[in-house]
Amino acid sequence: MADRFYINSALAAGPVTLQGPEAHHLATVRRFRPGDPVVLFNGDGREYPAAILDVGRKSVSLQVLRVEEPGREVGFRLEVAAPLPKGDRGDFLLEKLTELGVTDFVPLQTERSVVHPRDAKLERLQRAVIEASKQCGRNVLMQIHPLAKWDDYCRRETQMKPRLLAHPSDGESIVASREDTCIAVGPEGGFSDREVEAARSAGWRIVSLGPRVLRVETAAIALAALLALKI
């Protein structure tokens, strides 16, 4: 797979100018030169093979050669809701969910959660999604939603069924149905009994990930993998 670069603008066959951090990465970090092939993407589901025409100090001129639409998405909506873990573990979680094909991520505020990201943090996490998409070949960016309080989120009207809540308990086994699905994972210490009952009364299914207690990012990644991968 050719080196991929993200551009936040409409793309089509023809000339285009790359600016900002991506231009700096292409020209200064990677040291690409005129004539080198790259692939551009903008999150619209397509990718755009291109050739570099000119490399400047602050911008790179390219010629988009054609438009391609490879099938690299899971084919259904897969939303993961979880409190962000501390430090770099949050970036790791977003990176792996992107690689697995998760379509939406909702950071949760629960009774036991600690990290409650503000707008600047969410913007940084969106950048992590872009970087992961460049690496794994996704052409649709995973969407990061604003922080949601669990009591409100679990009662939202949604067309997604099933809605699965992972909880250390004697919950149901997980069956990968490959349909629009929402999954929720609790913080360190898990959802409180009251939060679990609120979810149950709102129609969520309580599922088990086995006899061991998993960290937030481990549980979310494991559950996403079970539902997203064709295994």
C-alpha atoms as a PDB file:
ATOM      1  CA  MET A   1       0.000   0.000   0.000  1.00  0.00           C
ATOM      2  CA  ALA A   2       1.399   3.410  -0.998  1.00  0.00           C
ATOM      3  CA  ASP A   3       2.022   6.065   1.643  1.00  0.00           C
ATOM      4  CA  ARG A   4      -1.248   7.755   2.565  1.00  0.00           C
ATOM      5  CA  PHE A   5      -1.913  11.377   3.500  1.00  0.00           C
ATOM      6  CA  TYR A   6      -5.098  12.995   4.808  1.00  0.00           C
ATOM      7  CA  ILE A   7      -6.513  16.193   3.324  1.00  0.00           C
ATOM      8  CA  ASN A   8      -9.576  17.944   4.751  1.00  0.00           C
ATOM      9  CA  SER A   9     -11.118  19.050   1.456  1.00  0.00           C
ATOM     10  CA  ALA A  10     -12.992  17.718  -1.537  1.00  0.00           C
ATOM     11  CA  LEU A  11     -10.921  15.631  -3.951  1.00  0.00           C
ATOM     12  CA  ALA A  12     -11.221  14.651  -7.604  1.00  0.00           C
ATOM     13  CA  ALA A  13      -8.911  13.807 -10.479  1.00  0.00           C
ATOM     14  CA  GLY A  14      -6.700  16.814 -11.196  1.00  0.00           C
ATOM     15  CA  PRO A  15      -4.358  19.159  -9.317  1.00  0.00           C
ATOM     16  CA  VAL A  16      -4.527  19.595  -5.539  1.00  0.00           C
ATOM     17  CA  THR A  17      -2.410  21.364  -2.919  1.00  0.00           C
ATOM     18  CA  LEU A  18      -1.539  19.781   0.407  1.00  0.00           C
ATOM     19  CA  GLN A  19      -0.759  22.140   3.313  1.00  0.00           C
ATOM     20  CA  GLY A  20      -0.274  22.088   7.083  1.00  0.00           C
ATOM     21  CA  PRO A  21       1.010  19.144   9.154  1.00  0.00           C
ATOM     22  CA  GLU A  22       0.469  16.606   6.377  1.00  0.00           C
ATOM     23  CA  ALA A  23       2.542  18.651   3.912  1.00  0.00           C
ATOM     24  CA  HIS A  24       5.289  18.993   6.524  1.00  0.00           C
ATOM     25  CA  HIS A  25       5.225  15.243   7.173  1.00  0.00           C
ATOM     26  CA  LEU A  26       5.352  14.422   3.454  1.00  0.00           C
ATOM     27  CA  ALA A  27       8.101  16.882   2.533  1.00  0.00           C
ATOM     28  CA  THR A  28      10.266  17.288   5.630  1.00  0.00           C
ATOM     29  CA  VAL A  29       9.823  14.075   7.608  1.00  0.00           C
ATOM     30  CA  ARG A  30       9.400  11.578   4.775  1.00  0.00           C
ATOM     31  CA  ARG A  31      11.397  13.599   2.204  1.00  0.00           C
ATOM     32  CA  PHE A  32       9.196  12.768  -0.772  1.00  0.00           C
ATOM     33  CA  ARG A  33      10.189  14.357  -4.074  1.00  0.00           C
ATOM     34  CA  PRO A  34       8.478  15.256  -7.391  1.00  0.00           C
ATOM     35  CA  GLY A  35       7.350  12.157  -9.250  1.00  0.00           C
ATOM     36  CA  ASP A  36       6.868  10.034  -6.114  1.00  0.00           C
ATOM     37  CA  PRO A  37       3.491   8.242  -5.833  1.00  0.00           C
ATOM     38  CA  VAL A  38       1.235   8.713  -2.788  1.00  0.00           C
ATOM     39  CA  VAL A  39      -2.422   8.179  -1.917  1.00  0.00           C
ATOM     40  CA  LEU A  40      -4.701  10.927  -0.593  1.00  0.00           C
ATOM     41  CA  PHE A  41      -7.931  10.440   1.338  1.00  0.00           C
ATOM     42  CA  ASN A  42     -10.418  12.812   2.959  1.00  0.00           C
ATOM     43  CA  GLY A  43     -12.805  10.516   4.830  1.00  0.00           C
ATOM     44  CA  ASP A  44     -15.434  10.276   2.075  1.00  0.00           C
ATOM     45  CA  GLY A  45     -14.909   6.522   1.631  1.00  0.00           C
ATOM     46  CA  ARG A  46     -12.677   6.830  -1.430  1.00  0.00           C
ATOM     47  CA  GLU A  47      -8.942   7.133  -1.942  1.00  0.00           C
ATOM     48  CA  TYR A  48      -7.082   9.118  -4.530  1.00  0.00           C
ATOM     49  CA  PRO A  49      -3.764   7.858  -5.982  1.00  0.00           C
ATOM     50  CA  ALA A  50      -1.630  10.869  -6.852  1.00  0.00           C
ATOM     51  CA  ALA A  51       1.813  11.922  -8.035  1.00  0.00           C
ATOM     52  CA  ILE A  52       3.825  14.714  -6.458  1.00  0.00           C
ATOM     53  CA  LEU A  53       4.419  17.673  -8.792  1.00  0.00           C
ATOM     54  CA  ASP A  54       6.317  20.101  -6.590  1.00  0.00           C
ATOM     55  CA  VAL A  55       7.512  20.245  -2.981  1.00  0.00           C
ATOM     56  CA  GLY A  56       7.609  23.663  -1.308  1.00  0.00           C
ATOM     57  CA  ARG A  57       8.442  24.874   2.184  1.00  0.00           C
ATOM     58  CA  LYS A  58       4.824  25.031   3.327  1.00  0.00           C
ATOM     59  CA  SER A  59       2.848  23.202   0.661  1.00  0.00           C
ATOM     60  CA  VAL A  60       3.030  20.284  -1.745  1.00  0.00           C
ATOM     61  CA  SER A  61       1.450  20.267  -5.213  1.00  0.00           C
ATOM     62  CA  LEU A  62       0.070  16.959  -6.456  1.00  0.00           C
ATOM     63  CA  GLN A  63      -1.848  15.554  -9.387  1.00  0.00           C
ATOM     64  CA  VAL A  64      -4.682  13.179  -8.472  1.00  0.00           C
ATOM     65  CA  LEU A  65      -4.542  10.416 -11.068  1.00  0.00           C
ATOM     66  CA  ARG A  66      -7.778   8.535 -10.402  1.00  0.00           C
ATOM     67  CA  VAL A  67     -10.449   7.763  -7.824  1.00  0.00           C
ATOM     68  CA  GLU A  68     -10.726   4.354  -6.163  1.00  0.00           C
ATOM     69  CA  GLU A  69     -13.223   2.950  -3.663  1.00  0.00           C
ATOM     70  CA  PRO A  70     -11.757  -0.156  -1.973  1.00  0.00           C
ATOM     71  CA  GLY A  71     -14.026  -2.036   0.423  1.00  0.00           C
ATOM     72  CA  ARG A  72     -12.305  -1.760   3.797  1.00  0.00           C
ATOM     73  CA  GLU A  73     -15.223  -0.858   6.092  1.00  0.00           C
ATOM     74  CA  VAL A  74     -17.174  -3.336   8.223  1.00  0.00           C
ATOM     75  CA  GLY A  75     -20.424  -2.710   6.320  1.00  0.00           C
ATOM     76  CA  PHE A  76     -22.594  -1.792   9.306  1.00  0.00           C
ATOM     77  CA  ARG A  77     -22.602   0.794  12.078  1.00  0.00           C
ATOM     78  CA  LEU A  78     -20.586  -0.278  15.096  1.00  0.00           C
ATOM     79  CA  GLU A  79     -20.637   2.228  17.953  1.00  0.00           C
ATOM     80  CA  VAL A  80     -18.452   1.853  21.039  1.00  0.00           C
ATOM     81  CA  ALA A  81     -19.210   3.837  24.199  1.00  0.00           C
ATOM     82  CA  ALA A  82     -16.674   3.796  27.024  1.00  0.00           C
ATOM     83  CA  PRO A  83     -14.992   6.093  29.546  1.00  0.00           C
ATOM     84  CA  LEU A  84     -11.569   7.135  28.321  1.00  0.00           C
ATOM     85  CA  PRO A  85      -8.755   5.490  30.281  1.00  0.00           C
ATOM     86  CA  LYS A  86      -5.921   7.594  31.654  1.00  0.00           C
ATOM     87  CA  GLY A  87      -2.904   8.813  29.709  1.00  0.00           C
ATOM     88  CA  ASP A  88      -1.685   7.125  26.556  1.00  0.00           C
ATOM     89  CA  ARG A  89      -4.129   4.257  27.025  1.00  0.00           C
ATOM     90  CA  GLY A  90      -6.842   6.506  25.573  1.00  0.00           C
ATOM     91  CA  ASP A  91      -4.836   7.061  22.392  1.00  0.00           C
ATOM     92  CA  PHE A  92      -4.164   3.309  22.202  1.00  0.00           C
ATOM     93  CA  LEU A  93      -7.887   2.577  22.511  1.00  0.00           C
ATOM     94  CA  LEU A  94      -8.821   4.982  19.698  1.00  0.00           C
ATOM     95  CA  GLU A  95      -6.067   3.647  17.460  1.00  0.00           C
ATOM     96  CA  LYS A  96      -7.166   0.019  17.803  1.00  0.00           C
ATOM     97  CA  LEU A  97     -10.876   0.755  17.447  1.00  0.00           C
ATOM     98  CA  THR A  98     -10.064   2.597  14.222  1.00  0.00           C
ATOM     99  CA  GLU A  99      -8.079  -0.377  12.926  1.00  0.00           C
ATOM    100  CA  LEU A 100     -10.960  -2.731  13.725  1.00  0.00           C
ATOM    101  CA  GLY A 101     -13.441  -0.658  11.714  1.00  0.00           C
ATOM    102  CA  VAL A 102     -15.526   0.843  14.535  1.00  0.00           C
ATOM    103  CA  THR A 103     -17.637   3.636  13.050  1.00  0.00           C
ATOM    104  CA  ASP A 104     -18.400   5.745  16.144  1.00  0.00           C
ATOM    105  CA  PHE A 105     -16.865   6.311  19.571  1.00  0.00           C
ATOM    106  CA  VAL A 106     -18.720   7.963  22.450  1.00  0.00           C
ATOM    107  CA  PRO A 107     -16.701   8.902  25.565  1.00  0.00           C
ATOM    108  CA  LEU A 108     -18.781   8.192  28.662  1.00  0.00           C
ATOM    109  CA  GLN A 109     -19.133   9.904  32.017  1.00  0.00           C
ATOM    110  CA  THR A 110     -20.155   7.328  34.608  1.00  0.00           C
ATOM    111  CA  GLU A 111     -20.273   7.156  38.388  1.00  0.00           C
ATOM    112  CA  ARG A 112     -16.749   5.699  38.548  1.00  0.00           C
ATOM    113  CA  SER A 113     -15.087   7.274  35.504  1.00  0.00           C
ATOM    114  CA  VAL A 114     -12.147   9.631  35.995  1.00  0.00           C
ATOM    115  CA  VAL A 115     -11.230  11.144  32.605  1.00  0.00           C
ATOM    116  CA  HIS A 116     -13.832  13.558  31.218  1.00  0.00           C
ATOM    117  CA  PRO A 117     -12.349  14.977  27.990  1.00  0.00           C
ATOM    118  CA  ARG A 118     -12.958  18.559  26.911  1.00  0.00           C
ATOM    119  CA  ASP A 119     -13.128  19.790  23.306  1.00  0.00           C
ATOM    120  CA  ALA A 120      -9.346  20.176  22.946  1.00  0.00           C
ATOM    121  CA  LYS A 121      -8.807  16.581  24.074  1.00  0.00           C
ATOM    122  CA  LEU A 122     -11.445  15.327  21.645  1.00  0.00           C
ATOM    123  CA  GLU A 123      -9.719  17.179  18.796  1.00  0.00           C
ATOM    124  CA  ARG A 124      -6.428  15.503  19.698  1.00  0.00           C
ATOM    125  CA  LEU A 125      -8.134  12.129  19.730  1.00  0.00           C
ATOM    126  CA  GLN A 126      -9.603  12.838  16.287  1.00  0.00           C
ATOM    127  CA  ARG A 127      -6.046  13.389  15.079  1.00  0.00           C
ATOM    128  CA  ALA A 128      -5.155   9.968  16.488  1.00  0.00           C
ATOM    129  CA  VAL A 129      -8.001   8.521  14.406  1.00  0.00           C
ATOM    130  CA  ILE A 130      -6.577  10.157  11.266  1.00  0.00           C
ATOM    131  CA  GLU A 131      -3.115   8.754  11.931  1.00  0.00           C
ATOM    132  CA  ALA A 132      -4.524   5.266  12.529  1.00  0.00           C
ATOM    133  CA  SER A 133      -6.609   5.522   9.345  1.00  0.00           C
ATOM    134  CA  LYS A 134      -3.504   6.443   7.348  1.00  0.00           C
ATOM    135  CA  GLN A 135      -1.762   3.315   8.616  1.00  0.00           C
ATOM    136  CA  CYS A 136      -4.585   0.779   8.321  1.00  0.00           C
ATOM    137  CA  GLY A 137      -6.087   1.910   5.010  1.00  0.00           C
ATOM    138  CA  ARG A 138      -9.470   3.153   6.176  1.00  0.00           C
ATOM    139  CA  ASN A 139     -11.062   5.831   4.019  1.00  0.00           C
ATOM    140  CA  VAL A 140     -13.949   6.642   6.375  1.00  0.00           C
ATOM    141  CA  LEU A 141     -12.916   8.262   9.639  1.00  0.00           C
ATOM    142  CA  MET A 142     -14.280   6.896  12.906  1.00  0.00           C
ATOM    143  CA  GLN A 143     -16.430   9.644  14.399  1.00  0.00           C
ATOM    144  CA  ILE A 144     -15.709  10.830  17.940  1.00  0.00           C
ATOM    145  CA  HIS A 145     -18.783  12.197  19.678  1.00  0.00           C
ATOM    146  CA  PRO A 146     -19.030  14.636  22.599  1.00  0.00           C
ATOM    147  CA  LEU A 147     -18.844  13.366  26.166  1.00  0.00           C
ATOM    148  CA  ALA A 148     -22.125  11.730  27.210  1.00  0.00           C
ATOM    149  CA  LYS A 149     -23.498  11.016  30.678  1.00  0.00           C
ATOM    150  CA  TRP A 150     -24.356   7.333  31.005  1.00  0.00           C
ATOM    151  CA  ASP A 151     -27.867   7.865  32.374  1.00  0.00           C
ATOM    152  CA  ASP A 152     -28.732   9.962  29.318  1.00  0.00           C
ATOM    153  CA  TYR A 153     -26.859   7.850  26.803  1.00  0.00           C
ATOM    154  CA  CYS A 154     -28.294   4.484  27.798  1.00  0.00           C
ATOM    155  CA  ARG A 155     -31.854   5.823  27.378  1.00  0.00           C
ATOM    156  CA  ARG A 156     -31.313   7.456  23.986  1.00  0.00           C
ATOM    157  CA  GLU A 157     -33.739   6.518  21.284  1.00  0.00           C
ATOM    158  CA  THR A 158     -31.793   4.619  18.641  1.00  0.00           C
ATOM    159  CA  GLN A 159     -32.444   2.275  15.780  1.00  0.00           C
ATOM    160  CA  MET A 160     -29.394   0.195  16.668  1.00  0.00           C
ATOM    161  CA  LYS A 161     -30.212  -3.256  17.956  1.00  0.00           C
ATOM    162  CA  PRO A 162     -28.670  -5.016  19.690  1.00  0.00           C
ATOM    163  CA  ARG A 163     -27.238  -2.785  22.391  1.00  0.00           C
ATOM    164  CA  LEU A 164     -24.699  -4.682  24.444  1.00  0.00           C
ATOM    165  CA  LEU A 165     -23.271  -3.761  27.850  1.00  0.00           C
ATOM    166  CA  ALA A 166     -20.132  -5.625  28.909  1.00  0.00           C
ATOM    167  CA  HIS A 167     -20.109  -6.324  32.634  1.00  0.00           C
ATOM    168  CA  PRO A 168     -18.212  -8.816  34.833  1.00  0.00           C
ATOM    169  CA  SER A 169     -21.139 -11.066  35.554  1.00  0.00           C
ATOM    170  CA  ASP A 170     -22.980 -14.124  34.368  1.00  0.00           C
ATOM    171  CA  GLY A 171     -24.134 -12.251  31.276  1.00  0.00           C
ATOM    172  CA  GLU A 172     -25.158 -13.664  27.926  1.00  0.00           C
ATOM    173  CA  SER A 173     -22.698 -15.015  25.410  1.00  0.00           C
ATOM    174  CA  ILE A 174     -21.866 -12.721  22.494  1.00  0.00           C
ATOM    175  CA  VAL A 175     -23.096 -13.583  19.012  1.00  0.00           C
ATOM    176  CA  ALA A 176     -21.678 -11.603  16.096  1.00  0.00           C
ATOM    177  CA  SER A 177     -24.718 -10.611  14.045  1.00  0.00           C
ATOM    178  CA  ARG A 178     -23.049  -8.116  11.660  1.00  0.00           C
ATOM    179  CA  GLU A 179     -25.855  -5.592  12.018  1.00  0.00           C
ATOM    180  CA  ASP A 180     -25.922  -2.069  13.433  1.00  0.00           C
ATOM    181  CA  THR A 181     -24.762  -2.542  17.024  1.00  0.00           C
ATOM    182  CA  CYS A 182     -23.931  -0.386  20.019  1.00  0.00           C
ATOM    183  CA  ILE A 183     -21.589  -1.684  22.719  1.00  0.00           C
ATOM    184  CA  ALA A 184     -20.781  -0.092  26.071  1.00  0.00           C
ATOM    185  CA  VAL A 185     -17.893  -0.756  28.429  1.00  0.00           C
ATOM    186  CA  GLY A 186     -17.602   0.591  31.963  1.00  0.00           C
ATOM    187  CA  PRO A 187     -14.715   2.334  33.736  1.00  0.00           C
ATOM    188  CA  GLU A 188     -12.130   0.832  36.060  1.00  0.00           C
ATOM    189  CA  GLY A 189     -14.327  -0.764  38.707  1.00  0.00           C
ATOM    190  CA  GLY A 190     -17.137  -1.321  36.216  1.00  0.00           C
ATOM    191  CA  PHE A 191     -20.598   0.144  35.967  1.00  0.00           C
ATOM    192  CA  SER A 192     -22.394   0.510  39.286  1.00  0.00           C
ATOM    193  CA  ASP A 193     -25.313  -1.823  40.021  1.00  0.00           C
ATOM    194  CA  ARG A 194     -27.658   1.129  39.535  1.00  0.00           C
ATOM    195  CA  GLU A 195     -26.166   1.893  36.103  1.00  0.00           C
ATOM    196  CA  VAL A 196     -26.473  -1.731  35.027  1.00  0.00           C
ATOM    197  CA  GLU A 197     -30.116  -1.832  36.049  1.00  0.00           C
ATOM    198  CA  ALA A 198     -30.769   1.449  34.220  1.00  0.00           C
ATOM    199  CA  ALA A 199     -29.337  -0.101  31.072  1.00  0.00           C
ATOM    200  CA  ARG A 200     -31.290  -3.311  31.531  1.00  0.00           C
ATOM    201  CA  SER A 201     -34.549  -1.401  31.943  1.00  0.00           C
ATOM    202  CA  ALA A 202     -33.737   0.565  28.764  1.00  0.00           C
ATOM    203  CA  GLY A 203     -33.394  -2.649  26.752  1.00  0.00           C
ATOM    204  CA  TRP A 204     -29.643  -3.261  26.820  1.00  0.00           C
ATOM    205  CA  ARG A 205     -28.389  -6.843  26.873  1.00  0.00           C
ATOM    206  CA  ILE A 206     -25.801  -7.616  29.546  1.00  0.00           C
ATOM    207  CA  VAL A 207     -22.946  -9.671  28.079  1.00  0.00           C
ATOM    208  CA  SER A 208     -19.916 -11.335  29.587  1.00  0.00           C
ATOM    209  CA  LEU A 209     -16.317 -11.240  28.376  1.00  0.00           C
ATOM    210  CA  GLY A 210     -15.224 -14.173  30.522  1.00  0.00           C
ATOM    211  CA  PRO A 211     -14.129 -14.786  34.103  1.00  0.00           C
ATOM    212  CA  ARG A 212     -11.255 -12.266  34.217  1.00  0.00           C
ATOM    213  CA  VAL A 213     -11.550  -8.544  34.938  1.00  0.00           C
ATOM    214  CA  LEU A 214     -10.374  -6.586  31.892  1.00  0.00           C
ATOM    215  CA  ARG A 215      -9.156  -3.013  31.639  1.00  0.00           C
ATOM    216  CA  VAL A 216     -11.377  -0.543  29.790  1.00  0.00           C
ATOM    217  CA  GLU A 217      -9.340  -0.589  26.593  1.00  0.00           C
ATOM    218  CA  THR A 218      -8.936  -4.380  26.623  1.00  0.00           C
ATOM    219  CA  ALA A 219     -12.670  -4.974  27.024  1.00  0.00           C
ATOM    220  CA  ALA A 220     -13.639  -2.443  24.357  1.00  0.00           C
ATOM    221  CA  ILE A 221     -11.110  -3.758  21.826  1.00  0.00           C
ATOM    222  CA  ALA A 222     -12.007  -7.415  22.508  1.00  0.00           C
ATOM    223  CA  LEU A 223     -15.722  -6.796  22.097  1.00  0.00           C
ATOM    224  CA  ALA A 224     -15.228  -4.692  18.956  1.00  0.00           C
ATOM    225  CA  ALA A 225     -13.038  -7.408  17.455  1.00  0.00           C
ATOM    226  CA  LEU A 226     -15.633 -10.095  18.146  1.00  0.00           C
ATOM    227  CA  LEU A 227     -18.262  -8.079  16.295  1.00  0.00           C
ATOM    228  CA  ALA A 228     -16.209  -6.503  13.500  1.00  0.00           C
ATOM    229  CA  LEU A 229     -13.905  -9.259  12.270  1.00  0.00           C
ATOM    230  CA  LYS A 230     -15.167 -11.950   9.932  1.00  0.00           C
ATOM    231  CA  ILE A 231     -13.951 -14.873  12.023  1.00  0.00           C
END
